[in-house]
Amino acid sequence: MIIELWSKGVLWDRLLGVHFMPLTDVRYCATPGNGKWLQIDQELETRNGQTVGTSKPTGHNVLVDVRFELPYGMLELFLSIEIL
């Protein structure tokens, strides 16, 4: 997942930077967490066409709370069939 930080302008918007977060780092949780401060960088690093990270810090940080949630009512269903 690529997180982008933009500055809204009157005529045009300006990209301030990006942060790459692998989906394997995203947790499953139904409740909000404390969030995490992420450093925003200028460039995406790619190898063999795959994004592997970012480089060149911009000095900007952003607080994000990223999580996967089950659809409403699905937790009870999964608990009843003992998947979780």
N, C-alpha and C. Protein backbone atom coordinates (compact mmCIF):
# COMPACT_ATOMS: atom_id res chain seq x y z
N MET A 1 0.86 -1.15 0.00
CA MET A 1 0.00 0.00 0.00
C MET A 1 0.91 1.22 0.00
N ILE A 2 0.56 2.19 -0.82
CA ILE A 2 1.33 3.43 -0.87
C ILE A 2 0.47 4.55 -0.27
N ILE A 3 1.02 5.21 0.74
CA ILE A 3 0.34 6.33 1.39
C ILE A 3 0.93 7.60 0.81
N GLU A 4 0.07 8.47 0.28
CA GLU A 4 0.52 9.73 -0.32
C GLU A 4 0.06 10.90 0.54
N LEU A 5 0.93 11.91 0.66
CA LEU A 5 0.60 13.14 1.39
C LEU A 5 0.59 14.29 0.39
N TRP A 6 -0.56 14.93 0.25
CA TRP A 6 -0.75 15.99 -0.73
C TRP A 6 -1.01 17.33 -0.05
N SER A 7 -0.58 18.41 -0.70
CA SER A 7 -0.91 19.77 -0.30
C SER A 7 -1.93 20.31 -1.30
N LYS A 8 -3.12 20.65 -0.80
CA LYS A 8 -4.18 21.16 -1.69
C LYS A 8 -3.91 22.62 -2.03
N GLY A 9 -3.97 22.93 -3.30
CA GLY A 9 -3.78 24.29 -3.76
C GLY A 9 -5.05 24.84 -4.39
N VAL A 10 -5.03 26.12 -4.71
CA VAL A 10 -6.18 26.76 -5.34
C VAL A 10 -6.32 26.27 -6.79
N LEU A 11 -5.22 26.27 -7.53
CA LEU A 11 -5.26 25.86 -8.93
C LEU A 11 -4.84 24.41 -9.14
N TRP A 12 -3.87 23.95 -8.37
CA TRP A 12 -3.41 22.57 -8.51
C TRP A 12 -2.93 22.05 -7.17
N ASP A 13 -2.84 20.76 -7.07
CA ASP A 13 -2.37 20.10 -5.85
C ASP A 13 -0.91 19.71 -6.03
N ARG A 14 -0.21 19.57 -4.90
CA ARG A 14 1.21 19.23 -4.95
C ARG A 14 1.47 18.01 -4.06
N LEU A 15 2.13 17.00 -4.63
CA LEU A 15 2.49 15.81 -3.87
C LEU A 15 3.68 16.13 -2.97
N LEU A 16 3.49 15.98 -1.65
CA LEU A 16 4.58 16.24 -0.70
C LEU A 16 5.49 15.04 -0.53
N GLY A 17 4.92 13.83 -0.62
CA GLY A 17 5.73 12.64 -0.47
C GLY A 17 4.89 11.39 -0.33
N VAL A 18 5.59 10.26 -0.18
CA VAL A 18 4.93 8.95 -0.14
C VAL A 18 5.55 8.09 0.96
N HIS A 19 4.81 7.07 1.38
CA HIS A 19 5.32 6.05 2.29
C HIS A 19 4.79 4.71 1.81
N PHE A 20 5.66 3.72 1.71
CA PHE A 20 5.26 2.38 1.29
C PHE A 20 5.07 1.52 2.53
N MET A 21 3.88 0.89 2.63
CA MET A 21 3.59 -0.01 3.74
C MET A 21 3.12 -1.35 3.16
N PRO A 22 3.91 -2.42 3.35
CA PRO A 22 3.45 -3.73 2.87
C PRO A 22 2.16 -4.15 3.57
N LEU A 23 1.26 -4.77 2.84
CA LEU A 23 -0.01 -5.19 3.44
C LEU A 23 0.20 -6.24 4.53
N THR A 24 1.34 -6.92 4.53
CA THR A 24 1.62 -7.88 5.60
C THR A 24 1.86 -7.19 6.93
N ASP A 25 2.12 -5.87 6.91
CA ASP A 25 2.31 -5.10 8.14
C ASP A 25 0.99 -4.59 8.73
N VAL A 26 -0.11 -4.73 7.99
CA VAL A 26 -1.41 -4.24 8.43
C VAL A 26 -2.09 -5.32 9.26
N ARG A 27 -2.57 -4.95 10.46
CA ARG A 27 -3.17 -5.92 11.37
C ARG A 27 -4.68 -6.01 11.18
N TYR A 28 -5.25 -7.11 11.64
CA TYR A 28 -6.70 -7.29 11.67
C TYR A 28 -7.18 -6.88 13.05
N CYS A 29 -8.10 -5.92 13.11
CA CYS A 29 -8.61 -5.45 14.39
C CYS A 29 -9.90 -4.66 14.15
N ALA A 30 -10.86 -4.82 15.04
CA ALA A 30 -12.14 -4.12 14.91
C ALA A 30 -12.16 -2.80 15.66
N THR A 31 -11.15 -2.54 16.48
CA THR A 31 -11.14 -1.32 17.28
C THR A 31 -10.00 -0.41 16.84
N PRO A 32 -10.20 0.90 16.94
CA PRO A 32 -9.12 1.83 16.59
C PRO A 32 -7.91 1.63 17.49
N GLY A 33 -6.74 1.84 16.94
CA GLY A 33 -5.51 1.73 17.72
C GLY A 33 -4.96 3.10 18.05
N ASN A 34 -3.71 3.12 18.50
CA ASN A 34 -3.05 4.38 18.84
C ASN A 34 -2.47 5.08 17.63
N GLY A 35 -2.37 4.37 16.52
CA GLY A 35 -1.77 4.96 15.33
C GLY A 35 -0.27 4.81 15.36
N LYS A 36 0.35 5.19 14.28
CA LYS A 36 1.80 5.08 14.14
C LYS A 36 2.28 6.25 13.28
N TRP A 37 3.36 6.90 13.72
CA TRP A 37 3.94 7.98 12.95
C TRP A 37 4.81 7.39 11.85
N LEU A 38 4.56 7.81 10.61
CA LEU A 38 5.32 7.34 9.46
C LEU A 38 6.08 8.50 8.83
N GLN A 39 7.31 8.23 8.45
CA GLN A 39 8.12 9.22 7.76
C GLN A 39 7.73 9.25 6.28
N ILE A 40 7.58 10.44 5.74
CA ILE A 40 7.23 10.60 4.33
C ILE A 40 8.51 10.85 3.53
N ASP A 41 8.66 10.13 2.43
CA ASP A 41 9.85 10.22 1.58
C ASP A 41 9.47 10.76 0.20
N GLN A 42 10.51 11.12 -0.58
CA GLN A 42 10.28 11.72 -1.90
C GLN A 42 10.09 10.69 -3.00
N GLU A 43 10.79 9.57 -2.94
CA GLU A 43 10.81 8.65 -4.07
C GLU A 43 10.47 7.23 -3.67
N LEU A 44 9.82 6.51 -4.59
CA LEU A 44 9.56 5.08 -4.42
C LEU A 44 10.77 4.30 -4.91
N GLU A 45 11.15 3.26 -4.19
CA GLU A 45 12.22 2.36 -4.61
C GLU A 45 11.58 1.13 -5.24
N THR A 46 11.99 0.80 -6.46
CA THR A 46 11.45 -0.38 -7.13
C THR A 46 12.58 -1.31 -7.56
N ARG A 47 12.29 -2.60 -7.52
CA ARG A 47 13.22 -3.63 -8.01
C ARG A 47 12.41 -4.61 -8.84
N ASN A 48 12.84 -4.82 -10.06
CA ASN A 48 12.14 -5.73 -10.98
C ASN A 48 10.66 -5.37 -11.13
N GLY A 49 10.37 -4.08 -11.14
CA GLY A 49 8.99 -3.62 -11.31
C GLY A 49 8.13 -3.67 -10.06
N GLN A 50 8.68 -4.11 -8.92
CA GLN A 50 7.93 -4.19 -7.66
C GLN A 50 8.39 -3.10 -6.71
N THR A 51 7.46 -2.40 -6.07
CA THR A 51 7.80 -1.40 -5.07
C THR A 51 8.31 -2.10 -3.83
N VAL A 52 9.50 -1.69 -3.35
CA VAL A 52 10.10 -2.32 -2.17
C VAL A 52 10.30 -1.34 -1.02
N GLY A 53 10.11 -0.04 -1.26
CA GLY A 53 10.29 0.93 -0.20
C GLY A 53 10.33 2.35 -0.75
N THR A 54 10.79 3.28 0.09
CA THR A 54 10.90 4.68 -0.30
C THR A 54 12.26 5.21 0.11
N SER A 55 12.65 6.37 -0.44
CA SER A 55 13.94 6.96 -0.11
C SER A 55 13.83 8.49 -0.13
N LYS A 56 14.86 9.14 0.35
CA LYS A 56 14.99 10.60 0.40
C LYS A 56 13.91 11.25 1.27
N PRO A 57 14.10 11.24 2.59
CA PRO A 57 13.11 11.82 3.51
C PRO A 57 12.80 13.29 3.20
N THR A 58 11.54 13.67 3.37
CA THR A 58 11.11 15.06 3.12
C THR A 58 11.09 15.88 4.40
N GLY A 59 11.12 15.23 5.56
CA GLY A 59 10.97 15.94 6.82
C GLY A 59 9.54 15.96 7.31
N HIS A 60 8.62 15.44 6.52
CA HIS A 60 7.21 15.36 6.92
C HIS A 60 6.94 14.01 7.57
N ASN A 61 6.05 14.01 8.54
CA ASN A 61 5.56 12.78 9.18
C ASN A 61 4.04 12.82 9.18
N VAL A 62 3.43 11.64 9.17
CA VAL A 62 1.97 11.57 9.20
C VAL A 62 1.57 10.47 10.18
N LEU A 63 0.53 10.74 10.98
CA LEU A 63 0.02 9.75 11.93
C LEU A 63 -1.10 8.96 11.26
N VAL A 64 -0.93 7.64 11.16
CA VAL A 64 -1.94 6.79 10.52
C VAL A 64 -2.34 5.66 11.46
N ASP A 65 -3.59 5.24 11.33
CA ASP A 65 -4.10 4.06 12.04
C ASP A 65 -4.67 3.16 10.96
N VAL A 66 -3.89 2.19 10.52
CA VAL A 66 -4.26 1.32 9.42
C VAL A 66 -4.61 -0.05 9.97
N ARG A 67 -5.77 -0.59 9.55
CA ARG A 67 -6.17 -1.92 10.01
C ARG A 67 -7.18 -2.51 9.04
N PHE A 68 -7.23 -3.83 9.00
CA PHE A 68 -8.28 -4.54 8.28
C PHE A 68 -9.38 -4.85 9.27
N GLU A 69 -10.63 -4.66 8.87
CA GLU A 69 -11.77 -5.02 9.71
C GLU A 69 -12.64 -6.02 8.97
N LEU A 70 -13.22 -6.95 9.71
CA LEU A 70 -14.20 -7.87 9.13
C LEU A 70 -15.49 -7.10 8.87
N PRO A 71 -16.27 -7.47 7.86
CA PRO A 71 -17.56 -6.82 7.62
C PRO A 71 -18.47 -6.96 8.84
N TYR A 72 -19.42 -6.03 8.98
CA TYR A 72 -20.33 -6.01 10.12
C TYR A 72 -21.04 -7.36 10.25
N GLY A 73 -21.01 -7.93 11.45
CA GLY A 73 -21.69 -9.18 11.73
C GLY A 73 -20.89 -10.43 11.40
N MET A 74 -19.76 -10.28 10.73
CA MET A 74 -18.98 -11.45 10.33
C MET A 74 -18.15 -12.02 11.48
N LEU A 75 -17.79 -11.20 12.47
CA LEU A 75 -16.99 -11.70 13.59
C LEU A 75 -17.73 -12.81 14.32
N GLU A 76 -19.02 -12.60 14.58
CA GLU A 76 -19.82 -13.62 15.27
C GLU A 76 -19.89 -14.90 14.45
N LEU A 77 -20.02 -14.76 13.13
CA LEU A 77 -20.07 -15.92 12.25
C LEU A 77 -18.76 -16.70 12.31
N PHE A 78 -17.64 -16.00 12.21
CA PHE A 78 -16.35 -16.67 12.25
C PHE A 78 -16.09 -17.31 13.61
N LEU A 79 -16.49 -16.65 14.69
CA LEU A 79 -16.30 -17.23 16.01
C LEU A 79 -17.17 -18.46 16.20
N SER A 80 -18.35 -18.47 15.60
CA SER A 80 -19.24 -19.62 15.75
C SER A 80 -18.73 -20.85 15.01
N ILE A 81 -17.97 -20.66 13.95
CA ILE A 81 -17.42 -21.82 13.23
C ILE A 81 -15.95 -22.03 13.56
N GLU A 82 -15.45 -21.28 14.56
CA GLU A 82 -14.10 -21.45 15.12
C GLU A 82 -12.99 -21.31 14.09
N ILE A 83 -13.12 -20.29 13.24
CA ILE A 83 -12.04 -20.00 12.29
C ILE A 83 -10.97 -19.16 12.95
N LEU A 84 -11.39 -18.19 13.78
CA LEU A 84 -10.41 -17.30 14.40
C LEU A 84 -9.81 -17.91 15.64
